[in-house]
């Protein structure tokens, strides 16, 4: 990569990074392209050359936000160990991320809510869907081993079960954490406890 390309790549990353921060802070509707240009320290005309529409930038921020999950899943699903151990490691990773209550997880929830309620599909939304597809593909080694290594119940539809467990645990955890400030929960059923209970329920279901 030559210097010009490197500068362009750095500017693009700075645009997306600043956009994500502003979207999370002020909401997708309220943030204007001029606000993002100012935060990225570029002219608004330059910003429009990168992203002709704000919704394209929203999706680009969502893709950047989700990308680290792909790399982590690649590692967790190919580490030594049986399918059950690797599935448990994925749930532990999701639990750890949820308990951190990071801006990344809050942005992702906000984005998916926004994208779900727009009247027409967001431009470039296929990039986000394709990344989700890549994450699901990383589960293939775990699923194939789960069919033969004896660590999961023999009468399971392994693929459907593994995908459902991961989706259910991730969705439940994010919701209960992000909504904890508007939910009544006694100390003995606080979010972390409920997440541990759900994890044990899901893992108990697949044990031989």
Protein backbone atom coordinates (compact mmCIF):
# COMPACT_ATOMS: atom_id res chain seq x y z
CA UNK A 1 0.00 0.00 0.00
CA UNK A 2 1.49 3.35 -1.05
CA UNK A 3 1.31 6.49 1.07
CA UNK A 4 -1.74 7.86 -0.71
CA UNK A 5 -3.66 4.63 -0.24
CA UNK A 6 -2.57 4.46 3.38
CA UNK A 7 -3.82 8.00 4.03
CA UNK A 8 -7.12 7.18 2.37
CA UNK A 9 -7.52 4.05 4.50
CA UNK A 10 -6.70 5.93 7.68
CA UNK A 11 -9.21 8.66 6.79
CA UNK A 12 -11.88 6.05 6.12
CA UNK A 13 -11.27 4.37 9.47
CA UNK A 14 -11.39 7.72 11.24
CA UNK A 15 -14.69 8.60 9.55
CA UNK A 16 -16.30 5.32 10.56
CA UNK A 17 -14.91 5.46 14.09
CA UNK A 18 -16.21 8.99 14.68
CA UNK A 19 -19.54 8.17 13.08
CA UNK A 20 -20.06 5.20 15.40
CA UNK A 21 -19.34 7.37 18.45
CA UNK A 22 -21.75 10.08 17.31
CA UNK A 23 -24.49 7.65 16.33
CA UNK A 24 -24.28 6.01 19.74
CA UNK A 25 -24.22 9.33 21.59
CA UNK A 26 -26.92 11.25 19.70
CA UNK A 27 -28.88 8.65 17.71
CA UNK A 28 -28.93 7.80 14.03
CA UNK A 29 -31.64 10.29 13.11
CA UNK A 30 -30.17 13.33 14.86
CA UNK A 31 -26.58 13.03 13.64
CA UNK A 32 -25.94 14.96 10.43
CA UNK A 33 -23.17 14.36 7.92
CA UNK A 34 -21.68 17.74 8.82
CA UNK A 35 -21.37 16.58 12.44
CA UNK A 36 -19.42 13.52 11.32
CA UNK A 37 -17.19 15.53 8.99
CA UNK A 38 -16.37 17.93 11.80
CA UNK A 39 -15.56 15.08 14.20
CA UNK A 40 -13.35 13.39 11.59
CA UNK A 41 -11.69 16.73 10.79
CA UNK A 42 -12.49 16.64 7.08
CA UNK A 43 -14.70 18.65 4.77
CA UNK A 44 -18.27 17.49 4.31
CA UNK A 45 -17.69 17.21 0.55
CA UNK A 46 -14.87 14.74 1.26
CA UNK A 47 -17.18 12.76 3.51
CA UNK A 48 -19.79 12.51 0.76
CA UNK A 49 -17.15 11.16 -1.61
CA UNK A 50 -16.68 8.25 0.78
CA UNK A 51 -20.34 7.85 1.70
CA UNK A 52 -22.92 9.51 -0.59
CA UNK A 53 -25.69 8.62 1.90
CA UNK A 54 -25.71 8.64 5.69
CA UNK A 55 -27.32 5.19 5.78
CA UNK A 56 -24.29 3.79 3.93
CA UNK A 57 -22.09 5.13 6.70
CA UNK A 58 -24.40 3.67 9.34
CA UNK A 59 -24.04 0.22 7.79
CA UNK A 60 -20.27 0.64 7.42
CA UNK A 61 -20.05 1.43 11.13
CA UNK A 62 -22.11 -1.66 11.93
CA UNK A 63 -19.85 -3.87 9.80
CA UNK A 64 -16.76 -2.48 11.51
CA UNK A 65 -18.42 -3.05 14.87
CA UNK A 66 -19.22 -6.70 14.16
CA UNK A 67 -15.93 -7.67 12.48
CA UNK A 68 -14.02 -8.59 15.69
CA UNK A 69 -16.68 -11.21 16.47
CA UNK A 70 -15.74 -13.06 13.29
CA UNK A 71 -12.10 -13.30 14.31
CA UNK A 72 -12.96 -14.46 17.83
CA UNK A 73 -15.37 -17.13 16.57
CA UNK A 74 -12.70 -18.41 14.16
CA UNK A 75 -10.37 -18.92 17.10
CA UNK A 76 -12.92 -20.47 19.45
CA UNK A 77 -14.35 -22.94 16.93
CA UNK A 78 -10.95 -24.28 15.83
CA UNK A 79 -9.21 -24.63 19.19
CA UNK A 80 -8.45 -28.17 20.47
CA UNK A 81 -11.26 -29.84 22.38
CA UNK A 82 -14.59 -31.49 21.76
CA UNK A 83 -17.68 -29.74 20.41
CA UNK A 84 -19.24 -29.28 23.85
CA UNK A 85 -16.11 -27.55 25.21
CA UNK A 86 -15.95 -25.17 22.24
CA UNK A 87 -19.66 -24.38 22.49
CA UNK A 88 -19.22 -23.56 26.16
CA UNK A 89 -16.26 -21.32 25.27
CA UNK A 90 -18.44 -19.38 22.83
CA UNK A 91 -21.12 -18.86 25.48
CA UNK A 92 -18.46 -17.73 27.95
CA UNK A 93 -17.17 -15.22 25.38
CA UNK A 94 -20.66 -13.84 24.76
CA UNK A 95 -21.27 -13.62 28.50
CA UNK A 96 -18.01 -11.75 29.03
CA UNK A 97 -18.85 -9.26 26.27
CA UNK A 98 -22.34 -8.71 27.63
CA UNK A 99 -21.12 -8.05 31.16
CA UNK A 100 -18.65 -5.45 29.92
CA UNK A 101 -21.62 -3.44 28.58
CA UNK A 102 -19.31 -1.94 25.99
CA UNK A 103 -20.19 0.81 23.56
CA UNK A 104 -19.72 -1.79 20.82
CA UNK A 105 -22.57 -3.95 22.10
CA UNK A 106 -24.81 -0.96 22.70
CA UNK A 107 -24.17 0.31 19.19
CA UNK A 108 -24.96 -3.09 17.68
CA UNK A 109 -28.28 -3.30 19.48
CA UNK A 110 -29.15 0.26 18.44
CA UNK A 111 -28.20 -0.45 14.83
CA UNK A 112 -30.21 -3.64 14.55
CA UNK A 113 -33.27 -1.91 16.01
CA UNK A 114 -32.83 0.97 13.58
CA UNK A 115 -32.33 -1.33 10.58
CA UNK A 116 -35.36 -3.41 11.54
CA UNK A 117 -37.77 -0.49 11.52
CA UNK A 118 -36.71 1.48 8.44
CA UNK A 119 -39.31 1.44 5.67
CA UNK A 120 -36.90 0.07 3.05
CA UNK A 121 -33.68 -1.95 3.39
CA UNK A 122 -30.60 0.11 4.18
CA UNK A 123 -28.10 0.50 1.33
CA UNK A 124 -25.23 -1.98 1.65
CA UNK A 125 -27.11 -3.94 4.34
CA UNK A 126 -26.01 -7.09 2.49
CA UNK A 127 -22.47 -6.37 3.73
CA UNK A 128 -23.71 -6.73 7.31
CA UNK A 129 -25.72 -9.86 6.49
CA UNK A 130 -22.75 -11.41 4.66
CA UNK A 131 -20.57 -10.84 7.72
CA UNK A 132 -23.14 -12.57 9.90
CA UNK A 133 -23.09 -15.44 7.40
CA UNK A 134 -19.30 -15.67 7.72
CA UNK A 135 -19.63 -15.84 11.49
CA UNK A 136 -22.11 -18.69 11.17
CA UNK A 137 -19.75 -20.52 8.81
CA UNK A 138 -17.07 -20.55 11.49
CA UNK A 139 -19.33 -22.91 13.45
CA UNK A 140 -19.02 -25.66 10.83
CA UNK A 141 -16.03 -27.47 12.45
CA UNK A 142 -17.78 -27.46 15.82
CA UNK A 143 -21.02 -28.72 14.28
CA UNK A 144 -19.33 -31.51 12.34
CA UNK A 145 -17.38 -32.68 15.40
CA UNK A 146 -20.56 -32.51 17.47
CA UNK A 147 -22.10 -35.14 15.23
CA UNK A 148 -19.36 -37.69 15.86
CA UNK A 149 -17.23 -36.95 18.94
CA UNK A 150 -19.85 -38.02 21.50
CA UNK A 151 -19.74 -34.76 23.46
CA UNK A 152 -23.31 -33.84 22.42
CA UNK A 153 -26.50 -35.88 22.64
CA UNK A 154 -26.77 -38.27 19.76
CA UNK A 155 -30.40 -37.51 18.91
CA UNK A 156 -29.86 -33.78 18.30
CA UNK A 157 -30.07 -31.85 15.06
CA UNK A 158 -26.62 -30.48 15.88
CA UNK A 159 -26.60 -27.56 13.44
CA UNK A 160 -30.04 -26.27 14.40
CA UNK A 161 -29.33 -26.75 18.10
CA UNK A 162 -25.92 -25.05 18.15
CA UNK A 163 -27.08 -22.06 16.10
CA UNK A 164 -30.24 -21.67 18.19
CA UNK A 165 -28.30 -21.84 21.46
CA UNK A 166 -25.81 -19.18 20.37
CA UNK A 167 -28.49 -16.86 18.98
CA UNK A 168 -30.78 -17.30 21.98
CA UNK A 169 -28.02 -16.75 24.52
CA UNK A 170 -26.64 -13.72 22.70
CA UNK A 171 -30.04 -12.09 22.23
CA UNK A 172 -31.22 -12.74 25.78
CA UNK A 173 -28.00 -11.51 27.34
CA UNK A 174 -27.85 -8.30 25.35
CA UNK A 175 -31.48 -7.49 26.07
CA UNK A 176 -31.39 -8.15 29.79
CA UNK A 177 -28.18 -6.15 30.25
CA UNK A 178 -29.17 -3.19 28.10
CA UNK A 179 -32.62 -2.98 29.67
CA UNK A 180 -31.51 -3.53 33.25
CA UNK A 181 -31.86 0.17 34.09
CA UNK A 182 -35.58 0.06 33.27
CA UNK A 183 -36.32 -3.37 34.70
CA UNK A 184 -37.18 -4.41 38.25
CA UNK A 185 -34.81 -7.18 39.32
CA UNK A 186 -34.09 -8.41 42.83
CA UNK A 187 -30.46 -9.04 43.76
CA UNK A 188 -30.77 -12.80 43.57
CA UNK A 189 -32.02 -12.63 39.97
CA UNK A 190 -29.85 -9.82 38.60
CA UNK A 191 -28.84 -10.09 34.93
CA UNK A 192 -25.55 -11.93 35.49
CA UNK A 193 -27.30 -14.62 37.56
CA UNK A 194 -29.99 -15.09 34.93
CA UNK A 195 -27.36 -15.36 32.21
CA UNK A 196 -25.49 -18.06 34.15
CA UNK A 197 -28.75 -19.95 34.71
CA UNK A 198 -29.61 -19.79 31.01
CA UNK A 199 -26.12 -20.93 30.08
CA UNK A 200 -26.45 -23.99 32.31
CA UNK A 201 -29.93 -24.76 30.95
CA UNK A 202 -28.71 -24.63 27.36
CA UNK A 203 -25.62 -26.72 28.02
CA UNK A 204 -27.59 -29.26 30.04
CA UNK A 205 -29.86 -29.72 27.03
CA UNK A 206 -27.00 -30.84 24.78
CA UNK A 207 -25.07 -33.01 27.24
CA UNK A 208 -25.20 -36.75 26.53
